[in-house]
């Protein structure tokens, strides 16, 4: 009886182990073929017209967030800022004078020693002076805007993919032009895989994944799950799923192949 009882326990234990192995999440994990893509790929330009004075980067350069990448000639805008500041100071003094004249006219009118016409003229002079002041202030703000956006800075820690600008190049914002610099994140990349409609059910945003590239393994998360069916050049069809992962100091390139395991 003890032998039979022991055999039953041994058999049950084996069944439990087998059950755990069969239903282990690891075995449910599936491997997918993926292609590397740039993360945060962005074309940069200026919102103001001008002449390119200096380009500080080349393709392949890594640049920290906020660092200068390109500079337009600002000599004209700098001179205009000085001019408008002088005009603003003058307009402000004139506005104060017209305000005093208006207040004085109002006081005299209340004492019945000034006509209503003269009072209205004083009020009009003040309104005109204020309008002039606001116009000059707007002009100064416009020139400051030109100065601020005459430089292109890295919007994040970036790697330069393409440089399309050269010193002396004329930038005219009223015409459509190619981006002056194209960048992508230098810290992260995307691994894109295509899945079937049934597989989409397991592709939850934020779900963890392993990305195997050669002999290196990276850990990432599902960043986006596409809604439109895509077809690759090789004829493979599926819904795109993008896995974002940090690359550290590794030199990876868009177009490399990878194996992705969804956990």
Protein backbone atom coordinates (compact mmCIF):
# COMPACT_ATOMS: atom_id res chain seq x y z
CA UNK A 1 0.00 0.00 0.00
CA UNK A 2 2.83 2.36 0.88
CA UNK A 3 4.43 1.61 -2.52
CA UNK A 4 1.15 2.30 -4.32
CA UNK A 5 0.64 5.48 -2.35
CA UNK A 6 4.20 6.61 -3.08
CA UNK A 7 3.79 5.81 -6.77
CA UNK A 8 0.62 7.93 -6.90
CA UNK A 9 2.40 10.90 -5.32
CA UNK A 10 5.31 10.50 -7.73
CA UNK A 11 2.91 10.34 -10.70
CA UNK A 12 0.97 13.40 -9.52
CA UNK A 13 4.19 15.37 -9.05
CA UNK A 14 5.27 14.48 -12.57
CA UNK A 15 1.90 15.61 -13.92
CA UNK A 16 2.21 18.94 -12.10
CA UNK A 17 5.70 19.52 -13.49
CA UNK A 18 4.48 18.62 -16.98
CA UNK A 19 1.50 20.96 -16.58
CA UNK A 20 3.78 23.83 -15.50
CA UNK A 21 6.13 23.23 -18.43
CA UNK A 22 3.32 23.08 -20.97
CA UNK A 23 1.69 26.24 -19.72
CA UNK A 24 4.91 28.11 -19.03
CA UNK A 25 4.85 31.66 -20.50
CA UNK A 26 8.32 31.01 -21.92
CA UNK A 27 6.97 28.34 -24.22
CA UNK A 28 4.17 30.63 -25.28
CA UNK A 29 6.75 33.21 -26.36
CA UNK A 30 7.09 33.36 -30.13
CA UNK A 31 9.99 34.48 -32.30
CA UNK A 32 9.45 36.89 -35.18
CA UNK A 33 11.64 38.24 -37.95
CA UNK A 34 12.05 42.00 -37.67
CA UNK A 35 13.79 44.89 -39.38
CA UNK A 36 15.52 47.72 -37.54
CA UNK A 37 14.27 51.26 -38.06
CA UNK A 38 15.25 54.65 -36.72
CA UNK A 39 13.36 55.93 -33.71
CA UNK A 40 12.13 59.55 -33.76
CA UNK A 41 13.35 60.14 -37.31
CA UNK A 42 12.80 63.85 -37.94
CA UNK A 43 13.55 66.35 -40.68
CA UNK A 44 14.66 69.72 -39.33
CA UNK A 45 14.59 73.17 -40.91
CA UNK A 46 14.04 76.80 -40.05
CA UNK A 47 10.76 78.72 -39.89
CA UNK A 48 12.51 81.92 -40.98
CA UNK A 49 14.22 82.78 -44.25
CA UNK A 50 17.90 83.63 -44.50
CA UNK A 51 21.34 82.54 -45.63
CA UNK A 52 23.10 79.56 -44.05
CA UNK A 53 26.18 80.86 -42.24
CA UNK A 54 27.49 77.67 -40.65
CA UNK A 55 26.68 73.94 -40.50
CA UNK A 56 28.16 72.22 -37.48
CA UNK A 57 27.31 68.56 -38.19
CA UNK A 58 27.80 65.84 -40.79
CA UNK A 59 26.05 62.54 -41.42
CA UNK A 60 26.93 60.03 -38.70
CA UNK A 61 27.62 62.64 -36.02
CA UNK A 62 26.03 62.23 -32.60
CA UNK A 63 24.88 65.44 -30.96
CA UNK A 64 23.41 66.16 -27.53
CA UNK A 65 19.96 67.66 -27.09
CA UNK A 66 19.95 71.45 -27.46
CA UNK A 67 23.31 71.72 -29.24
CA UNK A 68 23.65 73.85 -32.39
CA UNK A 69 23.43 72.03 -35.69
CA UNK A 70 23.03 74.91 -38.14
CA UNK A 71 23.11 78.71 -37.99
CA UNK A 72 21.68 81.31 -40.38
CA UNK A 73 23.31 84.72 -40.83
CA UNK A 74 21.80 86.96 -38.13
CA UNK A 75 23.57 90.26 -38.84
CA UNK A 76 20.46 91.91 -40.32
CA UNK A 77 18.14 90.68 -37.56
CA UNK A 78 20.58 91.78 -34.85
CA UNK A 79 20.75 95.28 -36.36
CA UNK A 80 16.96 95.40 -36.60
CA UNK A 81 16.61 94.41 -32.94
CA UNK A 82 18.85 97.35 -31.95
CA UNK A 83 16.79 99.64 -34.20
CA UNK A 84 13.44 98.51 -32.83
CA UNK A 85 14.63 98.78 -29.22
CA UNK A 86 15.51 102.44 -29.87
CA UNK A 87 12.16 103.01 -31.57
CA UNK A 88 10.36 101.33 -28.68
CA UNK A 89 12.06 103.57 -26.11
CA UNK A 90 11.04 106.64 -28.13
CA UNK A 91 7.47 105.39 -28.60
CA UNK A 92 7.19 104.67 -24.88
CA UNK A 93 8.23 108.23 -23.95
CA UNK A 94 5.81 109.68 -26.49
CA UNK A 95 3.02 107.48 -25.09
CA UNK A 96 3.71 108.75 -21.56
CA UNK A 97 3.62 112.33 -22.81
CA UNK A 98 0.28 111.79 -24.61
CA UNK A 99 -1.11 110.14 -21.49
CA UNK A 100 -0.19 113.19 -19.43
CA UNK A 101 -1.74 115.48 -22.08
CA UNK A 102 -4.95 113.45 -22.03
CA UNK A 103 -5.16 113.57 -18.22
CA UNK A 104 -4.48 117.33 -18.25
CA UNK A 105 -7.15 117.89 -20.90
CA UNK A 106 -9.65 115.85 -18.88
CA UNK A 107 -8.92 117.94 -15.79
CA UNK A 108 -9.37 121.21 -17.72
CA UNK A 109 -12.56 119.93 -19.33
CA UNK A 110 -14.02 119.10 -15.91
CA UNK A 111 -13.18 122.69 -14.85
CA UNK A 112 -15.04 123.89 -18.01
CA UNK A 113 -11.99 125.68 -19.39
CA UNK A 114 -11.47 123.25 -22.30
CA UNK A 115 -13.86 122.40 -25.11
CA UNK A 116 -15.13 118.88 -25.74
CA UNK A 117 -13.42 118.98 -29.14
CA UNK A 118 -10.02 119.67 -27.60
CA UNK A 119 -10.60 116.91 -25.03
CA UNK A 120 -11.41 114.46 -27.82
CA UNK A 121 -8.26 115.49 -29.71
CA UNK A 122 -6.17 114.75 -26.62
CA UNK A 123 -7.82 111.35 -26.28
CA UNK A 124 -7.20 110.60 -29.96
CA UNK A 125 -3.54 111.57 -29.64
CA UNK A 126 -3.16 109.14 -26.74
CA UNK A 127 -4.86 106.31 -28.68
CA UNK A 128 -2.60 106.93 -31.68
CA UNK A 129 0.50 107.00 -29.48
CA UNK A 130 -0.50 103.72 -27.86
CA UNK A 131 -1.10 102.12 -31.28
CA UNK A 132 2.35 103.26 -32.44
CA UNK A 133 3.93 101.85 -29.28
CA UNK A 134 2.23 98.47 -29.74
CA UNK A 135 3.25 98.35 -33.42
CA UNK A 136 6.89 98.97 -32.57
CA UNK A 137 6.76 96.41 -29.76
CA UNK A 138 5.34 93.84 -32.20
CA UNK A 139 8.14 94.65 -34.65
CA UNK A 140 10.74 94.05 -31.94
CA UNK A 141 9.12 90.73 -31.03
CA UNK A 142 9.19 89.72 -34.71
CA UNK A 143 12.93 90.42 -34.99
CA UNK A 144 13.61 88.52 -31.76
CA UNK A 145 11.63 85.62 -33.24
CA UNK A 146 13.86 85.67 -36.33
CA UNK A 147 16.95 85.60 -34.13
CA UNK A 148 15.66 82.75 -31.99
CA UNK A 149 14.72 80.52 -34.93
CA UNK A 150 17.71 81.31 -37.13
CA UNK A 151 19.48 78.43 -35.41
CA UNK A 152 18.64 74.73 -35.66
CA UNK A 153 19.26 72.76 -32.46
CA UNK A 154 19.05 69.05 -31.73
CA UNK A 155 15.53 68.35 -30.37
CA UNK A 156 16.84 65.29 -28.47
CA UNK A 157 20.02 63.23 -28.20
CA UNK A 158 20.39 62.59 -31.90
CA UNK A 159 22.41 61.00 -34.66
CA UNK A 160 22.60 62.88 -37.96
CA UNK A 161 21.27 60.80 -40.86
CA UNK A 162 21.46 63.38 -43.63
CA UNK A 163 22.86 66.88 -44.03
CA UNK A 164 21.29 68.79 -46.91
CA UNK A 165 22.55 72.30 -46.11
CA UNK A 166 25.74 74.13 -47.05
CA UNK A 167 27.14 77.54 -46.00
CA UNK A 168 25.84 80.25 -48.33
CA UNK A 169 22.65 78.36 -49.15
CA UNK A 170 19.58 80.60 -49.37
CA UNK A 171 16.60 79.48 -47.29
CA UNK A 172 13.24 80.80 -48.48
CA UNK A 173 10.45 79.50 -46.26
CA UNK A 174 7.74 80.48 -48.74
CA UNK A 175 8.95 77.67 -51.00
CA UNK A 176 8.92 73.97 -50.19
CA UNK A 177 12.43 72.71 -49.49
CA UNK A 178 14.03 69.50 -48.29
CA UNK A 179 14.86 69.32 -44.57
CA UNK A 180 18.20 70.95 -43.85
CA UNK A 181 19.18 68.15 -41.47
CA UNK A 182 17.59 64.75 -40.86
CA UNK A 183 18.12 63.18 -37.43
CA UNK A 184 17.00 60.22 -35.36
CA UNK A 185 17.39 59.20 -31.73
CA UNK A 186 20.96 58.19 -30.85
CA UNK A 187 19.74 56.32 -27.76
CA UNK A 188 16.94 54.16 -29.13
CA UNK A 189 15.86 52.19 -32.21
CA UNK A 190 12.79 50.38 -33.42
CA UNK A 191 12.43 46.75 -34.45
CA UNK A 192 9.44 46.39 -36.77
CA UNK A 193 7.75 43.05 -37.31
CA UNK A 194 4.64 42.09 -39.25
CA UNK A 195 1.98 39.93 -37.61
CA UNK A 196 -1.28 38.31 -38.63
CA UNK A 197 -4.70 39.41 -37.44
CA UNK A 198 -4.80 36.56 -34.91
CA UNK A 199 -1.35 37.44 -33.55
CA UNK A 200 -2.46 41.05 -32.98
CA UNK A 201 -4.40 39.86 -29.92
CA UNK A 202 -1.11 39.19 -28.09
CA UNK A 203 0.53 42.49 -29.13
CA UNK A 204 -0.38 44.76 -26.25
CA UNK A 205 1.27 48.17 -26.10
CA UNK A 206 3.96 48.19 -23.40
CA UNK A 207 4.50 44.42 -23.51
CA UNK A 208 8.13 43.35 -23.06
CA UNK A 209 10.22 41.78 -25.81
CA UNK A 210 13.76 40.59 -26.47
CA UNK A 211 15.52 41.78 -29.61
CA UNK A 212 18.35 39.56 -30.84
CA UNK A 213 20.78 41.13 -33.30
CA UNK A 214 23.70 38.87 -34.10
CA UNK A 215 25.18 37.77 -30.78
CA UNK A 216 23.68 40.71 -28.87
CA UNK A 217 20.35 40.82 -27.05
CA UNK A 218 18.39 43.94 -26.14
CA UNK A 219 15.25 44.39 -24.08
CA UNK A 220 12.44 46.59 -25.30
CA UNK A 221 8.70 47.17 -25.23
CA UNK A 222 5.96 47.34 -27.81
CA UNK A 223 5.63 51.02 -28.68
CA UNK A 224 2.98 50.95 -31.38
CA UNK A 225 0.62 48.48 -33.02
CA UNK A 226 -0.38 49.42 -36.56
CA UNK A 227 -3.94 49.45 -37.87
CA UNK A 228 -3.21 49.16 -41.59
CA UNK A 229 -2.05 46.08 -43.43
CA UNK A 230 1.43 46.45 -44.95
CA UNK A 231 3.23 44.48 -47.65
CA UNK A 232 7.02 44.29 -47.78
CA UNK A 233 9.11 44.32 -50.97
CA UNK A 234 9.47 40.56 -50.56
CA UNK A 235 5.71 40.16 -50.57
CA UNK A 236 5.16 39.47 -46.86
CA UNK A 237 1.90 40.92 -45.55
CA UNK A 238 0.93 41.79 -41.99
CA UNK A 239 0.16 44.45 -39.43
CA UNK A 240 3.22 46.41 -38.24
CA UNK A 241 4.30 46.18 -34.61
CA UNK A 242 7.13 48.45 -33.48
CA UNK A 243 9.35 47.45 -30.56
CA UNK A 244 11.39 50.32 -29.09
CA UNK A 245 14.63 49.47 -27.31
CA UNK A 246 17.69 51.28 -25.97
CA UNK A 247 20.91 50.63 -27.85
CA UNK A 248 23.50 52.08 -25.46
CA UNK A 249 26.78 52.62 -27.31
CA UNK A 250 26.10 50.02 -29.99
CA UNK A 251 26.46 51.18 -33.61
CA UNK A 252 23.29 49.86 -35.23
CA UNK A 253 21.79 50.84 -38.56
CA UNK A 254 18.37 50.97 -40.09
CA UNK A 255 17.61 47.97 -42.30
CA UNK A 256 19.47 45.39 -40.21
CA UNK A 257 17.56 42.19 -39.50
CA UNK A 258 16.71 41.00 -36.02
CA UNK A 259 14.85 38.27 -34.19
CA UNK A 260 12.19 39.43 -31.74
CA UNK A 261 10.76 37.30 -28.95
CA UNK A 262 7.52 38.62 -27.46
CA UNK A 263 7.36 37.63 -23.80
